[in-house]
N, C-alpha and C. Protein backbone atom coordinates (compact mmCIF):
# COMPACT_ATOMS: atom_id res chain seq x y z
N MET A 1 -25.57 4.48 22.17
CA MET A 1 -24.38 3.66 22.06
C MET A 1 -24.12 3.38 20.58
N GLU A 2 -22.85 3.45 20.20
CA GLU A 2 -22.47 3.23 18.81
C GLU A 2 -22.48 1.75 18.47
N SER A 3 -22.84 1.49 17.22
CA SER A 3 -22.81 0.10 16.78
C SER A 3 -21.38 -0.29 16.42
N GLN A 4 -21.15 -1.57 16.36
CA GLN A 4 -19.81 -2.08 16.01
C GLN A 4 -19.43 -1.66 14.60
N GLU A 5 -20.42 -1.56 13.72
CA GLU A 5 -20.14 -1.20 12.34
C GLU A 5 -19.63 0.24 12.24
N SER A 6 -20.24 1.16 12.97
CA SER A 6 -19.79 2.55 12.89
C SER A 6 -18.42 2.72 13.54
N ILE A 7 -18.13 1.97 14.59
CA ILE A 7 -16.80 2.02 15.20
C ILE A 7 -15.77 1.49 14.23
N TRP A 8 -16.10 0.41 13.53
CA TRP A 8 -15.16 -0.17 12.55
C TRP A 8 -14.91 0.80 11.42
N LYS A 9 -15.96 1.45 10.93
CA LYS A 9 -15.79 2.41 9.83
C LYS A 9 -14.91 3.57 10.25
N ARG A 10 -15.09 4.06 11.45
CA ARG A 10 -14.28 5.18 11.92
C ARG A 10 -12.82 4.78 12.05
N ARG A 11 -12.55 3.59 12.56
CA ARG A 11 -11.18 3.11 12.66
C ARG A 11 -10.58 2.88 11.29
N TYR A 12 -11.37 2.35 10.38
CA TYR A 12 -10.90 2.10 9.01
C TYR A 12 -10.51 3.41 8.34
N LEU A 13 -11.33 4.43 8.51
CA LEU A 13 -11.05 5.71 7.88
C LEU A 13 -9.84 6.39 8.50
N LYS A 14 -9.57 6.11 9.78
CA LYS A 14 -8.37 6.67 10.39
C LYS A 14 -7.11 6.03 9.81
N VAL A 15 -7.14 4.74 9.56
CA VAL A 15 -5.96 4.03 9.08
C VAL A 15 -5.74 4.28 7.60
N PHE A 16 -6.77 4.13 6.80
CA PHE A 16 -6.65 4.26 5.35
C PHE A 16 -7.24 5.59 4.89
N THR A 17 -6.42 6.59 4.88
CA THR A 17 -6.87 7.88 4.36
C THR A 17 -6.63 7.93 2.87
N ILE A 18 -7.01 9.01 2.26
CA ILE A 18 -6.95 9.12 0.81
C ILE A 18 -5.52 9.03 0.29
N PHE A 19 -4.56 9.61 1.00
CA PHE A 19 -3.18 9.52 0.55
C PHE A 19 -2.66 8.09 0.61
N SER A 20 -3.05 7.36 1.62
CA SER A 20 -2.62 5.97 1.73
C SER A 20 -3.21 5.13 0.61
N ILE A 21 -4.47 5.35 0.32
CA ILE A 21 -5.13 4.57 -0.73
C ILE A 21 -4.52 4.89 -2.10
N ILE A 22 -4.28 6.17 -2.36
CA ILE A 22 -3.64 6.55 -3.63
C ILE A 22 -2.24 5.95 -3.71
N GLY A 23 -1.51 5.99 -2.61
CA GLY A 23 -0.17 5.40 -2.59
C GLY A 23 -0.20 3.90 -2.85
N MET A 24 -1.19 3.22 -2.31
CA MET A 24 -1.29 1.78 -2.52
C MET A 24 -1.61 1.45 -3.97
N VAL A 25 -2.48 2.22 -4.59
CA VAL A 25 -2.83 1.98 -5.99
C VAL A 25 -1.63 2.25 -6.90
N VAL A 26 -0.98 3.38 -6.68
CA VAL A 26 0.21 3.71 -7.48
C VAL A 26 1.32 2.69 -7.24
N GLY A 27 1.47 2.25 -6.00
CA GLY A 27 2.49 1.25 -5.68
C GLY A 27 2.20 -0.09 -6.34
N ALA A 28 0.94 -0.48 -6.39
CA ALA A 28 0.58 -1.74 -7.05
C ALA A 28 0.90 -1.68 -8.53
N ILE A 29 0.57 -0.57 -9.15
CA ILE A 29 0.87 -0.40 -10.57
C ILE A 29 2.38 -0.38 -10.78
N GLY A 30 3.09 0.34 -9.93
CA GLY A 30 4.54 0.40 -10.03
C GLY A 30 5.20 -0.95 -9.80
N GLY A 31 4.70 -1.72 -8.85
CA GLY A 31 5.25 -3.05 -8.60
C GLY A 31 5.06 -3.98 -9.78
N PHE A 32 3.92 -3.90 -10.41
CA PHE A 32 3.68 -4.75 -11.58
C PHE A 32 4.52 -4.31 -12.77
N ILE A 33 4.67 -3.01 -12.95
CA ILE A 33 5.53 -2.51 -14.03
C ILE A 33 6.97 -2.92 -13.76
N TYR A 34 7.38 -2.89 -12.50
CA TYR A 34 8.74 -3.34 -12.14
C TYR A 34 8.93 -4.80 -12.54
N TYR A 35 7.91 -5.62 -12.28
CA TYR A 35 7.98 -7.03 -12.69
C TYR A 35 8.12 -7.15 -14.20
N LEU A 36 7.36 -6.36 -14.94
CA LEU A 36 7.39 -6.45 -16.40
C LEU A 36 8.70 -5.96 -16.99
N LYS A 37 9.19 -4.82 -16.50
CA LYS A 37 10.36 -4.19 -17.10
C LYS A 37 11.67 -4.76 -16.58
N VAL A 38 11.79 -4.96 -15.27
CA VAL A 38 13.04 -5.45 -14.69
C VAL A 38 13.03 -6.96 -14.67
N GLY A 39 12.04 -7.52 -14.01
CA GLY A 39 11.84 -8.96 -13.98
C GLY A 39 13.07 -9.76 -13.63
N CYS A 40 12.93 -11.07 -13.75
CA CYS A 40 14.04 -11.97 -13.47
C CYS A 40 13.79 -13.23 -14.28
N SER A 41 14.61 -13.47 -15.26
CA SER A 41 14.37 -14.61 -16.15
C SER A 41 14.76 -15.94 -15.52
N SER A 42 15.69 -15.93 -14.57
CA SER A 42 16.13 -17.20 -13.98
C SER A 42 15.18 -17.70 -12.90
N GLY A 43 14.39 -16.82 -12.32
CA GLY A 43 13.46 -17.22 -11.27
C GLY A 43 14.08 -17.23 -9.89
N SER A 44 15.34 -16.83 -9.77
CA SER A 44 16.00 -16.85 -8.47
C SER A 44 15.86 -15.54 -7.71
N CYS A 45 15.31 -14.52 -8.34
CA CYS A 45 15.10 -13.23 -7.67
C CYS A 45 13.82 -13.32 -6.83
N ALA A 46 13.95 -12.97 -5.57
CA ALA A 46 12.82 -13.16 -4.65
C ALA A 46 11.62 -12.28 -4.98
N ILE A 47 11.84 -11.04 -5.32
CA ILE A 47 10.73 -10.13 -5.53
C ILE A 47 10.33 -10.02 -6.99
N SER A 48 11.28 -9.84 -7.86
CA SER A 48 10.95 -9.54 -9.26
C SER A 48 10.66 -10.76 -10.13
N SER A 49 10.73 -11.97 -9.58
CA SER A 49 10.44 -13.15 -10.40
C SER A 49 8.97 -13.53 -10.39
N ASN A 50 8.19 -12.95 -9.47
CA ASN A 50 6.78 -13.30 -9.33
C ASN A 50 5.95 -12.01 -9.38
N PRO A 51 4.96 -11.94 -10.28
CA PRO A 51 4.19 -10.69 -10.38
C PRO A 51 3.36 -10.40 -9.13
N TYR A 52 2.92 -11.42 -8.44
CA TYR A 52 2.11 -11.20 -7.23
C TYR A 52 2.95 -10.62 -6.10
N ILE A 53 4.14 -11.14 -5.93
CA ILE A 53 5.01 -10.65 -4.86
C ILE A 53 5.47 -9.23 -5.15
N SER A 54 5.83 -8.95 -6.39
CA SER A 54 6.27 -7.59 -6.70
C SER A 54 5.12 -6.59 -6.57
N THR A 55 3.91 -7.01 -6.88
CA THR A 55 2.75 -6.13 -6.71
C THR A 55 2.47 -5.88 -5.23
N VAL A 56 2.56 -6.91 -4.40
CA VAL A 56 2.33 -6.74 -2.96
C VAL A 56 3.41 -5.83 -2.36
N TRP A 57 4.65 -6.00 -2.77
CA TRP A 57 5.71 -5.11 -2.28
C TRP A 57 5.45 -3.68 -2.74
N GLY A 58 4.97 -3.51 -3.95
CA GLY A 58 4.63 -2.18 -4.43
C GLY A 58 3.51 -1.55 -3.60
N ILE A 59 2.52 -2.35 -3.24
CA ILE A 59 1.43 -1.85 -2.39
C ILE A 59 1.97 -1.43 -1.03
N ALA A 60 2.84 -2.24 -0.45
CA ALA A 60 3.40 -1.92 0.87
C ALA A 60 4.23 -0.63 0.81
N MET A 61 5.06 -0.51 -0.20
CA MET A 61 5.87 0.70 -0.33
C MET A 61 5.00 1.92 -0.62
N GLY A 62 3.97 1.75 -1.44
CA GLY A 62 3.06 2.85 -1.74
C GLY A 62 2.30 3.30 -0.51
N TYR A 63 1.90 2.36 0.34
CA TYR A 63 1.22 2.71 1.58
C TYR A 63 2.14 3.53 2.49
N LEU A 64 3.39 3.09 2.61
CA LEU A 64 4.32 3.80 3.48
C LEU A 64 4.60 5.21 2.98
N VAL A 65 4.76 5.37 1.67
CA VAL A 65 5.00 6.70 1.12
C VAL A 65 3.75 7.57 1.26
N GLY A 66 2.58 7.02 0.97
CA GLY A 66 1.34 7.78 1.10
C GLY A 66 1.04 8.16 2.53
N ASP A 67 1.42 7.31 3.47
CA ASP A 67 1.16 7.58 4.88
C ASP A 67 2.01 8.73 5.40
N MET A 68 3.12 9.01 4.74
CA MET A 68 3.96 10.13 5.18
C MET A 68 3.23 11.45 5.03
N PHE A 69 2.28 11.54 4.11
CA PHE A 69 1.57 12.78 3.85
C PHE A 69 0.29 12.94 4.66
N ASN A 70 -0.06 11.96 5.46
CA ASN A 70 -1.25 12.06 6.29
C ASN A 70 -1.00 13.00 7.47
N ALA A 71 -1.98 13.78 7.80
CA ALA A 71 -1.86 14.69 8.93
C ALA A 71 -1.96 13.90 10.23
N LYS A 72 -1.02 14.11 11.10
CA LYS A 72 -1.03 13.45 12.39
C LYS A 72 -1.66 14.38 13.42
N PRO A 73 -2.44 13.83 14.35
CA PRO A 73 -3.05 14.71 15.36
C PRO A 73 -1.98 15.30 16.28
N LYS A 74 -2.16 16.58 16.62
CA LYS A 74 -1.20 17.25 17.50
C LYS A 74 -1.50 16.89 18.95
N LYS A 75 -0.42 16.69 19.71
CA LYS A 75 -0.58 16.41 21.13
C LYS A 75 -0.59 17.73 21.90
N ASP A 76 -1.37 17.76 22.97
CA ASP A 76 -1.45 18.99 23.77
C ASP A 76 -0.25 19.14 24.66
């Protein structure tokens, strides 16, 4: 019988593949650069006025783009 730890690792590896992880890292860097370069001086911009929020949005977008390149299992 498999341990809970090995089941968790297998599920984790299915969800976060290498393309997703690379996309998240690139997205985080891109989100922070977006905050630095575009930013919002008045503070009324929801995403670009806070570096944490823009970085989290970058991670989310990077995950979605990276996930597009993951191989999906074929159905019979």
